[in-house]
Amino acid sequence: MFLGTHYPRLDDKGRLTLPAKFRDELAGGLMVTKGQDHCLYVFPRAEFEQMARKVAEAPFTNDAVRAYQRYLFAGTDEQRPDGQGRVLIAPELRRYAGLTKECVVVGAFTRLEIWDAAAWQTYLEEHEDGYAEAREEVIPGVF
C-alpha cells in the first residue's frame, strides 16, 4: 500500500531515489508509465501485469481502445532500483511529466505517482477546494 507525499530530487543522470519505505515492495522490479494529468505512474511489476491484462482484454476493434493500449504499452519502462533505491526515468517519460530537479512522489494506494514539484503544487491549488467541499458521494460507499 503506497501512501504519503515525498520530495526527492532528480539527479543529473535522470535518476530518482524512491522513498525508503517503498523500496522493499519495489525491489523485485517496477514499471514506470505515463499517467493521467501528465504525471508518471509507478507500479510494482505484479500490479502492472494485472492491470495490463485487463487493458489487453479490451476489444481492439475499438479505435479508442487501440490508442490507449498503444500509448500505455509503448510508454512503459521496466526498471529495477539500484542499491541506493534509485531508478532511471527515461528521457521521454521525463519530458511527458515535465520533470525538473524538484519532484514529488505521491502514494496512490496501488501505485506511486511522480510529479514535477511545480505541477503538483498547481494541481493541489486547482483541486483542493473541490476535495474539501465534496458534498456528494464521489466514490460509492465511501463516506
Protein backbone atom coordinates (compact mmCIF):
# COMPACT_ATOMS: atom_id res chain seq x y z
CA MET A 1 0.00 0.00 0.00
CA PHE A 2 1.53 3.30 -1.12
CA LEU A 3 0.62 6.36 0.94
CA GLY A 4 2.10 9.77 1.70
CA THR A 5 3.94 12.55 -0.10
CA HIS A 6 7.70 12.60 -0.58
CA TYR A 7 10.08 15.15 -2.13
CA PRO A 8 13.05 13.51 -3.88
CA ARG A 9 15.26 15.26 -6.43
CA LEU A 10 16.07 14.09 -9.92
CA ASP A 11 19.84 13.81 -10.33
CA ASP A 12 21.88 14.92 -13.36
CA LYS A 13 21.64 11.42 -14.86
CA GLY A 14 17.83 11.39 -14.68
CA ARG A 15 17.65 9.09 -11.66
CA LEU A 16 15.12 9.45 -8.87
CA THR A 17 15.61 8.00 -5.40
CA LEU A 18 12.49 6.13 -4.29
CA PRO A 19 11.24 6.71 -0.75
CA ALA A 20 12.90 4.17 1.57
CA LYS A 21 9.60 2.84 2.92
CA PHE A 22 8.58 1.61 -0.57
CA ARG A 23 11.85 0.03 -1.65
CA ASP A 24 11.15 -3.49 -0.40
CA GLU A 25 7.86 -3.66 -2.29
CA LEU A 26 9.53 -2.39 -5.48
CA ALA A 27 12.82 -4.29 -5.19
CA GLY A 28 11.59 -7.09 -7.46
CA GLY A 29 11.01 -4.69 -10.33
CA LEU A 30 8.68 -1.90 -11.23
CA MET A 31 7.01 -0.37 -14.23
CA VAL A 32 7.11 3.37 -14.91
CA THR A 33 4.47 4.61 -17.33
CA LYS A 34 2.72 7.77 -18.45
CA GLY A 35 -0.19 8.57 -16.19
CA GLN A 36 -3.14 10.91 -16.42
CA ASP A 37 -2.68 14.62 -15.63
CA HIS A 38 0.89 14.45 -17.02
CA CYS A 39 2.37 12.61 -14.07
CA LEU A 40 4.13 9.24 -14.14
CA TYR A 41 2.71 6.09 -12.57
CA VAL A 42 4.99 3.58 -10.83
CA PHE A 43 3.53 0.12 -10.35
CA PRO A 44 5.08 -2.96 -8.77
CA ARG A 45 5.57 -5.38 -11.65
CA ALA A 46 2.82 -7.78 -10.48
CA GLU A 47 0.29 -4.95 -10.07
CA PHE A 48 1.09 -3.64 -13.55
CA GLU A 49 0.68 -7.10 -15.06
CA GLN A 50 -2.83 -7.40 -13.56
CA MET A 51 -3.83 -4.00 -14.91
CA ALA A 52 -2.19 -4.63 -18.30
CA ARG A 53 -4.09 -7.89 -18.74
CA LYS A 54 -7.40 -6.03 -18.29
CA VAL A 55 -6.33 -3.38 -20.79
CA ALA A 56 -5.17 -6.03 -23.26
CA GLU A 57 -8.52 -7.86 -23.00
CA ALA A 58 -10.47 -4.80 -24.14
CA PRO A 59 -11.83 -5.09 -27.71
CA PHE A 60 -9.09 -3.89 -30.06
CA THR A 61 -11.69 -3.26 -32.76
CA ASN A 62 -12.45 0.00 -30.90
CA ASP A 63 -10.28 2.95 -32.02
CA ALA A 64 -10.08 4.48 -28.53
CA VAL A 65 -9.06 1.14 -27.00
CA ARG A 66 -6.28 0.63 -29.57
CA ALA A 67 -4.97 4.15 -29.00
CA TYR A 68 -4.99 3.69 -25.21
CA GLN A 69 -3.27 0.29 -25.45
CA ARG A 70 -0.57 1.64 -27.76
CA TYR A 71 0.09 4.68 -25.64
CA LEU A 72 0.18 2.72 -22.38
CA PHE A 73 2.35 -0.14 -23.54
CA ALA A 74 4.72 1.91 -25.72
CA GLY A 75 5.19 4.43 -22.90
CA THR A 76 6.08 1.93 -20.18
CA ASP A 77 9.62 1.34 -18.96
CA GLU A 78 10.61 -1.59 -16.76
CA GLN A 79 13.11 -0.71 -14.03
CA ARG A 80 14.82 -2.32 -11.06
CA PRO A 81 16.03 0.01 -8.30
CA ASP A 82 19.79 0.09 -7.78
CA GLY A 83 21.43 -0.48 -4.38
CA GLN A 84 20.62 3.08 -3.31
CA GLY A 85 16.96 2.83 -4.31
CA ARG A 86 17.35 4.90 -7.48
CA VAL A 87 15.56 4.33 -10.77
CA LEU A 88 16.39 5.89 -14.11
CA ILE A 89 13.48 7.88 -15.54
CA ALA A 90 13.66 7.61 -19.33
CA PRO A 91 14.00 10.92 -21.21
CA GLU A 92 10.61 10.55 -22.92
CA LEU A 93 8.92 9.95 -19.56
CA ARG A 94 10.70 12.96 -18.04
CA ARG A 95 9.54 15.07 -20.97
CA TYR A 96 5.93 13.86 -20.71
CA ALA A 97 5.75 14.70 -16.99
CA GLY A 98 7.78 17.92 -17.33
CA LEU A 99 10.17 16.71 -14.62
CA THR A 100 12.83 19.09 -13.41
CA LYS A 101 15.16 18.60 -10.45
CA GLU A 102 12.44 19.08 -7.83
CA CYS A 103 9.96 16.20 -7.84
CA VAL A 104 7.13 14.91 -5.71
CA VAL A 105 6.30 11.23 -5.21
CA VAL A 106 2.70 10.68 -4.14
CA GLY A 107 1.37 7.41 -2.78
CA ALA A 108 -1.86 6.45 -4.56
CA PHE A 109 -2.58 3.13 -2.80
CA THR A 110 -1.73 0.63 -5.60
CA ARG A 111 0.79 2.87 -7.34
CA LEU A 112 3.11 5.79 -6.87
CA GLU A 113 2.79 8.97 -8.89
CA ILE A 114 5.81 11.07 -9.84
CA TRP A 115 5.13 14.77 -10.41
CA ASP A 116 7.23 17.80 -11.14
CA ALA A 117 7.04 19.79 -7.89
CA ALA A 118 5.58 22.91 -9.54
CA ALA A 119 2.98 20.87 -11.45
CA TRP A 120 1.95 19.10 -8.23
CA GLN A 121 1.54 22.42 -6.43
CA THR A 122 -0.62 23.72 -9.29
CA TYR A 123 -2.70 20.54 -9.21
CA LEU A 124 -3.26 20.90 -5.47
CA GLU A 125 -4.28 24.53 -5.80
CA GLU A 126 -6.76 23.68 -8.57
CA HIS A 127 -8.34 20.68 -6.80
CA GLU A 128 -8.04 21.26 -3.06
CA ASP A 129 -11.28 23.20 -2.63
CA GLY A 130 -13.25 20.62 -4.59
CA TYR A 131 -11.97 17.87 -2.32
CA ALA A 132 -12.61 19.88 0.84
CA GLU A 133 -16.13 20.83 -0.24
CA ALA A 134 -17.28 17.49 -1.68
CA ARG A 135 -20.90 17.14 -0.64
CA GLU A 136 -21.97 14.11 -2.56
CA GLU A 137 -20.66 10.66 -2.90
CA VAL A 138 -17.82 10.67 -5.42
CA ILE A 139 -16.98 7.01 -4.85
CA PRO A 140 -19.98 4.82 -3.98
CA GLY A 141 -19.93 3.54 -0.42
CA VAL A 142 -17.16 5.88 0.77
CA PHE A 143 -18.03 8.47 3.42
